[in-house]
Amino acid sequence: MNQSGSAAGRVGATGPDAAAADWVDAHLHLWQLEPGRYSWLGPQHGVLHRSFDAADAWTELSAAGIGRAILVQAEDSTADTEFMLATAEANPWIAGVVGWVQLDDPAAAARQLELFGLRPAFAGVRHLIHDDPRSGFLALASVRKSLALLAGAGLPLDVPNAFPGHLGDTVDAAAELEELTVVVDHLAKPPVDDAGLADWEAQLRRLAPLPNVAAKISGLHEPGRPYSAAALRRIFDIALDVFGPARLMYGGDWPVSLLGAPYAQTQGVLAELVSTLSPAEQCEIQAGTARRIYARAAW
């Protein structure tokens, strides 16, 4: 979380600045569509199959009243991380970058962490585990060694799309490495069906006792589930019960969210859910949690 690397017991700590904070989007993507880049992205993705730059993003965020953002990697590559860092350095509203390092090679990870650590915006690490052919990626001994390096550097680990295949390993990694802050992106991707949702809840509740785990209320557009406050209420209430406001943060997941709704609608639905909380609790989800978790960002 901060440069001391100590996360346990502090993910939920509140500060005097939280109540006065503006909205922070803790999960924003940008990409430059070039040959050989973003192998997961193709014409079948429709509106996403183009480049998205900082100017495009700022148009959406500023119109919705969002003042700062965290960029999150969209590819497991150094080139993507370098692109995001350069973009952050040219756009002060981008507070930080969650980039990629080669977690399955601790020596390479150490070199990358040293290099990226010189850049003020470098604030966290993520690997696209849901696209990795190794089902137990987070359980690999080499990866655990690299995660210890992250903990020592005070850098959180973002875990995307953890349910159903990776949530158990996420719990184990967070329990083993108490000094590592773990961020569960998109609430681990709760499924649409009732049976799956019950399994998701049971797994998510295993994270509750771990004070070094937080989560993003983001990426909740799913085919077969209406995107509305009413449709998401059960998921939100479970997340709130598991983590509490001080371990939850807002993320727009733009432009991926365009597959479900325009940015204003994405943010508006989540704002409606958050509006039922006290003003102090709202500020935690709107900005306070993100500012603490990504403490190394250039706030």
Protein backbone atom coordinates (compact mmCIF):
# COMPACT_ATOMS: atom_id res chain seq x y z
CA MET A 1 0.00 0.00 0.00
CA ASN A 2 2.61 2.56 0.95
CA GLN A 3 6.33 2.56 0.51
CA SER A 4 6.94 0.62 3.71
CA GLY A 5 5.19 -2.32 2.06
CA SER A 6 3.00 -3.02 5.11
CA ALA A 7 -0.58 -3.72 4.14
CA ALA A 8 -2.02 -5.97 6.83
CA GLY A 9 -4.52 -4.19 9.01
CA ARG A 10 -4.30 -0.99 7.00
CA VAL A 11 -6.39 -1.53 3.88
CA GLY A 12 -9.45 -0.33 5.76
CA ALA A 13 -7.81 2.50 7.67
CA THR A 14 -9.47 5.85 7.09
CA GLY A 15 -7.90 9.30 6.91
CA PRO A 16 -9.06 12.88 7.34
CA ASP A 17 -8.80 13.57 3.61
CA ALA A 18 -11.28 10.85 2.64
CA ALA A 19 -14.42 12.87 3.41
CA ALA A 20 -13.32 15.71 1.13
CA ALA A 21 -12.19 13.53 -1.78
CA ASP A 22 -13.63 13.75 -5.29
CA TRP A 23 -14.51 10.68 -7.32
CA VAL A 24 -11.58 8.55 -8.48
CA ASP A 25 -11.97 5.97 -11.24
CA ALA A 26 -9.73 3.16 -10.02
CA HIS A 27 -10.03 1.05 -13.17
CA LEU A 28 -9.54 2.68 -16.56
CA HIS A 29 -8.02 1.22 -19.73
CA LEU A 30 -6.34 2.86 -22.71
CA TRP A 31 -4.74 1.13 -25.67
CA GLN A 32 -3.11 1.79 -29.02
CA LEU A 33 -4.36 -0.69 -31.56
CA GLU A 34 -1.25 -1.73 -33.47
CA PRO A 35 -0.27 -4.92 -35.32
CA GLY A 36 0.81 -7.63 -32.92
CA ARG A 37 -0.66 -5.91 -29.86
CA TYR A 38 -3.61 -6.92 -27.66
CA SER A 39 -4.07 -10.42 -29.04
CA TRP A 40 -7.36 -10.78 -27.17
CA LEU A 41 -8.90 -7.83 -29.04
CA GLY A 42 -10.38 -8.26 -32.52
CA PRO A 43 -13.18 -7.13 -34.84
CA GLN A 44 -15.57 -9.39 -32.93
CA HIS A 45 -15.36 -6.88 -30.07
CA GLY A 46 -17.11 -4.22 -32.12
CA VAL A 47 -16.81 -0.76 -30.55
CA LEU A 48 -13.67 -1.79 -28.65
CA HIS A 49 -11.70 -2.56 -31.79
CA ARG A 50 -9.98 0.82 -32.09
CA SER A 51 -7.46 2.89 -30.19
CA PHE A 52 -8.57 4.72 -27.05
CA ASP A 53 -6.38 7.58 -25.85
CA ALA A 54 -6.27 9.93 -22.89
CA ALA A 55 -8.30 12.62 -24.64
CA ASP A 56 -11.11 10.12 -25.32
CA ALA A 57 -11.11 9.03 -21.68
CA TRP A 58 -11.00 12.54 -20.23
CA THR A 59 -14.03 13.54 -22.26
CA GLU A 60 -16.03 10.77 -20.59
CA LEU A 61 -14.65 11.11 -17.08
CA SER A 62 -14.84 14.87 -16.81
CA ALA A 63 -18.44 14.88 -18.07
CA ALA A 64 -19.30 12.44 -15.26
CA GLY A 65 -17.51 14.49 -12.60
CA ILE A 66 -14.55 12.14 -12.23
CA GLY A 67 -11.37 14.04 -11.44
CA ARG A 68 -8.65 11.38 -11.25
CA ALA A 69 -8.07 7.85 -12.52
CA ILE A 70 -5.85 4.79 -12.28
CA LEU A 71 -4.82 3.20 -15.59
CA VAL A 72 -4.83 -0.60 -15.60
CA GLN A 73 -2.94 -2.84 -17.99
CA ALA A 74 -4.76 -4.42 -20.93
CA GLU A 75 -1.90 -6.67 -22.06
CA ASP A 76 0.84 -8.70 -20.39
CA SER A 77 3.67 -6.75 -21.97
CA THR A 78 6.31 -4.18 -21.09
CA ALA A 79 5.22 -2.12 -24.09
CA ASP A 80 1.71 -1.69 -22.68
CA THR A 81 3.07 -0.62 -19.30
CA GLU A 82 5.49 1.85 -20.90
CA PHE A 83 2.63 3.29 -22.97
CA MET A 84 0.52 3.81 -19.85
CA LEU A 85 3.36 5.37 -17.85
CA ALA A 86 4.16 7.81 -20.66
CA THR A 87 0.48 8.68 -20.94
CA ALA A 88 0.24 9.26 -17.19
CA GLU A 89 3.27 11.53 -17.25
CA ALA A 90 1.62 13.66 -19.94
CA ASN A 91 -1.81 13.82 -18.25
CA PRO A 92 -1.88 14.95 -14.59
CA TRP A 93 -5.42 13.62 -14.07
CA ILE A 94 -3.99 10.09 -14.38
CA ALA A 95 -2.76 9.47 -10.86
CA GLY A 96 -1.26 6.04 -11.31
CA VAL A 97 -0.65 2.96 -13.42
CA VAL A 98 -1.23 -0.70 -12.63
CA GLY A 99 1.24 -2.31 -14.99
CA TRP A 100 2.59 -5.75 -15.80
CA VAL A 101 5.76 -7.47 -14.63
CA GLN A 102 6.87 -11.03 -15.36
CA LEU A 103 5.68 -12.62 -12.14
CA ASP A 104 6.67 -16.16 -13.13
CA ASP A 105 10.34 -15.09 -13.26
CA PRO A 106 11.37 -13.45 -9.96
CA ALA A 107 14.69 -12.21 -11.34
CA ALA A 108 12.98 -10.53 -14.29
CA ALA A 109 10.27 -9.19 -11.99
CA ALA A 110 12.90 -7.65 -9.71
CA ARG A 111 14.55 -5.88 -12.64
CA GLN A 112 11.23 -4.55 -13.92
CA LEU A 113 10.15 -3.40 -10.47
CA GLU A 114 13.41 -1.52 -10.07
CA LEU A 115 13.01 0.14 -13.46
CA PHE A 116 9.32 0.97 -13.20
CA GLY A 117 9.77 2.05 -9.60
CA LEU A 118 11.64 5.10 -10.85
CA ARG A 119 8.43 6.32 -12.49
CA PRO A 120 6.20 8.22 -10.01
CA ALA A 121 2.97 6.93 -11.54
CA PHE A 122 3.81 3.22 -11.16
CA ALA A 123 1.37 2.16 -8.45
CA GLY A 124 0.54 -1.54 -8.84
CA VAL A 125 0.88 -4.78 -10.79
CA ARG A 126 -1.55 -7.03 -12.64
CA HIS A 127 -1.32 -10.19 -14.77
CA LEU A 128 -4.14 -11.39 -17.01
CA ILE A 129 -4.53 -14.66 -15.14
CA HIS A 130 -7.85 -15.41 -16.84
CA ASP A 131 -6.04 -15.52 -20.20
CA ASP A 132 -3.01 -17.45 -18.91
CA PRO A 133 -3.07 -21.18 -19.85
CA ARG A 134 -1.79 -22.11 -16.37
CA SER A 135 -4.85 -22.59 -14.18
CA GLY A 136 -2.90 -22.28 -10.92
CA PHE A 137 -0.81 -19.26 -11.87
CA LEU A 138 -0.98 -17.55 -8.47
CA ALA A 139 0.02 -20.78 -6.74
CA LEU A 140 3.27 -21.19 -8.70
CA ALA A 141 6.33 -21.01 -6.44
CA SER A 142 8.02 -18.55 -8.79
CA VAL A 143 4.97 -16.28 -8.75
CA ARG A 144 4.77 -16.36 -4.96
CA LYS A 145 8.41 -15.21 -4.82
CA SER A 146 7.58 -12.31 -7.12
CA LEU A 147 4.52 -11.42 -5.07
CA ALA A 148 6.79 -11.15 -2.04
CA LEU A 149 8.83 -8.61 -4.01
CA LEU A 150 5.65 -6.62 -4.65
CA ALA A 151 4.87 -6.65 -0.96
CA GLY A 152 8.35 -5.40 -0.13
CA ALA A 153 8.00 -2.59 -2.65
CA GLY A 154 4.61 -1.53 -1.30
CA LEU A 155 2.85 -2.37 -4.56
CA PRO A 156 -0.62 -3.95 -4.63
CA LEU A 157 -1.55 -6.86 -6.87
CA ASP A 158 -4.71 -6.55 -8.97
CA VAL A 159 -6.39 -9.89 -9.72
CA PRO A 160 -8.80 -9.85 -12.69
CA ASN A 161 -11.78 -12.14 -13.28
CA ALA A 162 -10.93 -14.37 -10.33
CA PHE A 163 -14.16 -16.37 -10.19
CA PRO A 164 -14.46 -19.27 -10.57
CA GLY A 165 -10.95 -20.47 -11.38
CA HIS A 166 -8.65 -18.18 -9.41
CA LEU A 167 -10.49 -16.95 -6.34
CA GLY A 168 -9.24 -19.82 -4.16
CA ASP A 169 -5.63 -19.14 -5.14
CA THR A 170 -6.24 -15.44 -4.46
CA VAL A 171 -7.33 -16.27 -0.92
CA ASP A 172 -4.28 -18.49 -0.38
CA ALA A 173 -1.83 -15.90 -1.72
CA ALA A 174 -3.30 -13.10 0.40
CA ALA A 175 -3.25 -15.31 3.51
CA GLU A 176 0.35 -16.39 2.95
CA LEU A 177 1.68 -12.91 2.11
CA GLU A 178 0.16 -10.73 4.80
CA GLU A 179 2.18 -7.70 3.74
CA LEU A 180 0.84 -7.85 0.17
CA THR A 181 -2.23 -5.81 -0.67
CA VAL A 182 -4.49 -7.77 -3.02
CA VAL A 183 -7.17 -6.03 -5.09
CA VAL A 184 -9.97 -8.19 -6.49
CA ASP A 185 -10.99 -6.54 -9.75
CA HIS A 186 -14.67 -6.48 -10.80
CA LEU A 187 -15.75 -8.15 -7.53
CA ALA A 188 -14.19 -11.31 -9.01
CA LYS A 189 -16.82 -11.33 -11.81
CA PRO A 190 -20.03 -12.53 -10.13
CA PRO A 191 -22.02 -14.82 -12.42
CA VAL A 192 -25.60 -14.29 -13.57
CA ASP A 193 -27.25 -17.56 -12.48
CA ASP A 194 -28.42 -18.05 -8.88
CA ALA A 195 -26.42 -21.23 -8.29
CA GLY A 196 -23.23 -19.65 -9.55
CA LEU A 197 -23.91 -16.52 -7.52
CA ALA A 198 -24.24 -18.57 -4.34
CA ASP A 199 -20.87 -20.23 -5.05
CA TRP A 200 -19.33 -16.82 -5.80
CA GLU A 201 -20.61 -15.45 -2.50
CA ALA A 202 -19.26 -18.41 -0.54
CA GLN A 203 -15.81 -18.00 -2.09
CA LEU A 204 -15.84 -14.23 -1.70
CA ARG A 205 -16.62 -14.54 1.99
CA ARG A 206 -13.37 -16.46 2.47
CA LEU A 207 -11.62 -13.16 1.77
CA ALA A 208 -13.48 -11.25 4.48
CA PRO A 209 -11.11 -12.07 7.38
CA LEU A 210 -8.05 -11.01 5.38
CA PRO A 211 -7.40 -7.31 6.09
CA ASN A 212 -4.97 -6.99 3.18
CA VAL A 213 -7.67 -7.61 0.54
CA ALA A 214 -9.81 -4.96 -1.16
CA ALA A 215 -12.09 -5.04 -4.20
CA LYS A 216 -13.32 -2.91 -7.08
CA ILE A 217 -16.97 -2.35 -7.83
CA SER A 218 -16.39 -2.45 -11.55
CA GLY A 219 -16.86 -4.56 -14.67
CA LEU A 220 -20.37 -5.73 -13.71
CA HIS A 221 -21.92 -5.61 -17.19
CA GLU A 222 -22.82 -9.21 -18.06
CA PRO A 223 -25.07 -10.63 -20.80
CA GLY A 224 -28.26 -11.91 -19.24
CA ARG A 225 -28.22 -9.49 -16.31
CA PRO A 226 -29.82 -6.02 -16.59
CA TYR A 227 -27.43 -3.22 -15.75
CA SER A 228 -29.40 -1.32 -13.14
CA ALA A 229 -29.14 -0.54 -9.45
CA ALA A 230 -32.00 -2.94 -8.73
CA ALA A 231 -30.36 -5.81 -10.64
CA LEU A 232 -26.99 -5.25 -8.96
CA ARG A 233 -28.32 -4.63 -5.46
CA ARG A 234 -27.73 -8.19 -4.19
CA ILE A 235 -24.17 -8.22 -5.50
CA PHE A 236 -23.46 -4.80 -4.01
CA ASP A 237 -24.91 -5.74 -0.63
CA ILE A 238 -22.83 -8.92 -0.48
CA ALA A 239 -19.66 -7.00 -1.37
CA LEU A 240 -20.48 -4.37 1.22
CA ASP A 241 -21.02 -7.02 3.88
CA VAL A 242 -17.79 -8.82 2.95
CA PHE A 243 -15.44 -5.87 2.66
CA GLY A 244 -17.13 -2.78 4.08
CA PRO A 245 -16.86 0.62 2.37
CA ALA A 246 -13.22 1.12 3.41
CA ARG A 247 -12.14 -1.89 1.31
CA LEU A 248 -14.25 -1.12 -1.76
CA MET A 249 -13.53 1.30 -4.59
CA TYR A 250 -15.28 2.50 -7.72
CA GLY A 251 -13.99 1.53 -11.17
CA GLY A 252 -15.57 2.35 -14.51
CA ASP A 253 -13.77 -0.34 -16.54
CA TRP A 254 -13.96 1.97 -19.57
CA PRO A 255 -13.80 1.38 -22.51
CA VAL A 256 -14.59 -2.33 -21.93
CA SER A 257 -17.79 -1.13 -20.25
CA LEU A 258 -18.97 0.29 -23.58
CA LEU A 259 -20.08 -3.24 -24.44
CA GLY A 260 -22.78 -2.71 -21.84
CA ALA A 261 -23.48 1.00 -21.48
CA PRO A 262 -22.06 4.49 -22.02
CA TYR A 263 -19.71 5.73 -19.30
CA ALA A 264 -22.27 8.06 -17.70
CA GLN A 265 -24.71 5.20 -17.27
CA THR A 266 -22.05 2.86 -15.90
CA GLN A 267 -21.03 5.40 -13.29
CA GLY A 268 -24.59 6.52 -12.62
CA VAL A 269 -25.83 3.06 -11.69
CA LEU A 270 -22.95 2.52 -9.27
CA ALA A 271 -23.42 6.02 -7.85
CA GLU A 272 -27.06 5.16 -7.18
CA LEU A 273 -26.01 2.08 -5.22
CA VAL A 274 -23.40 4.00 -3.25
CA SER A 275 -25.83 6.84 -2.50
CA THR A 276 -27.64 4.66 0.06
CA LEU A 277 -24.60 4.84 2.36
CA SER A 278 -23.58 7.56 4.79
CA PRO A 279 -21.57 10.50 3.37
CA ALA A 280 -18.34 9.20 4.94
CA GLU A 281 -18.93 5.69 3.56
CA GLN A 282 -19.68 7.10 0.12
CA CYS A 283 -16.38 8.96 0.13
CA GLU A 284 -14.51 5.76 0.88
CA ILE A 285 -15.87 4.01 -2.22
CA GLN A 286 -15.70 7.12 -4.38
CA ALA A 287 -12.05 7.91 -3.65
CA GLY A 288 -10.70 7.16 -0.18
CA THR A 289 -10.00 3.47 -0.69
CA ALA A 290 -8.32 3.98 -4.07
CA ARG A 291 -6.07 6.70 -2.69
CA ARG A 292 -4.91 4.44 0.13
CA ILE A 293 -4.50 1.26 -1.91
CA TYR A 294 -2.59 3.00 -4.70
CA ALA A 295 -0.64 5.13 -2.27
CA ARG A 296 2.41 5.24 -4.52
CA ALA A 297 0.43 6.98 -7.26
CA ALA A 298 1.10 10.64 -7.97
CA TRP A 299 -1.88 12.02 -6.07
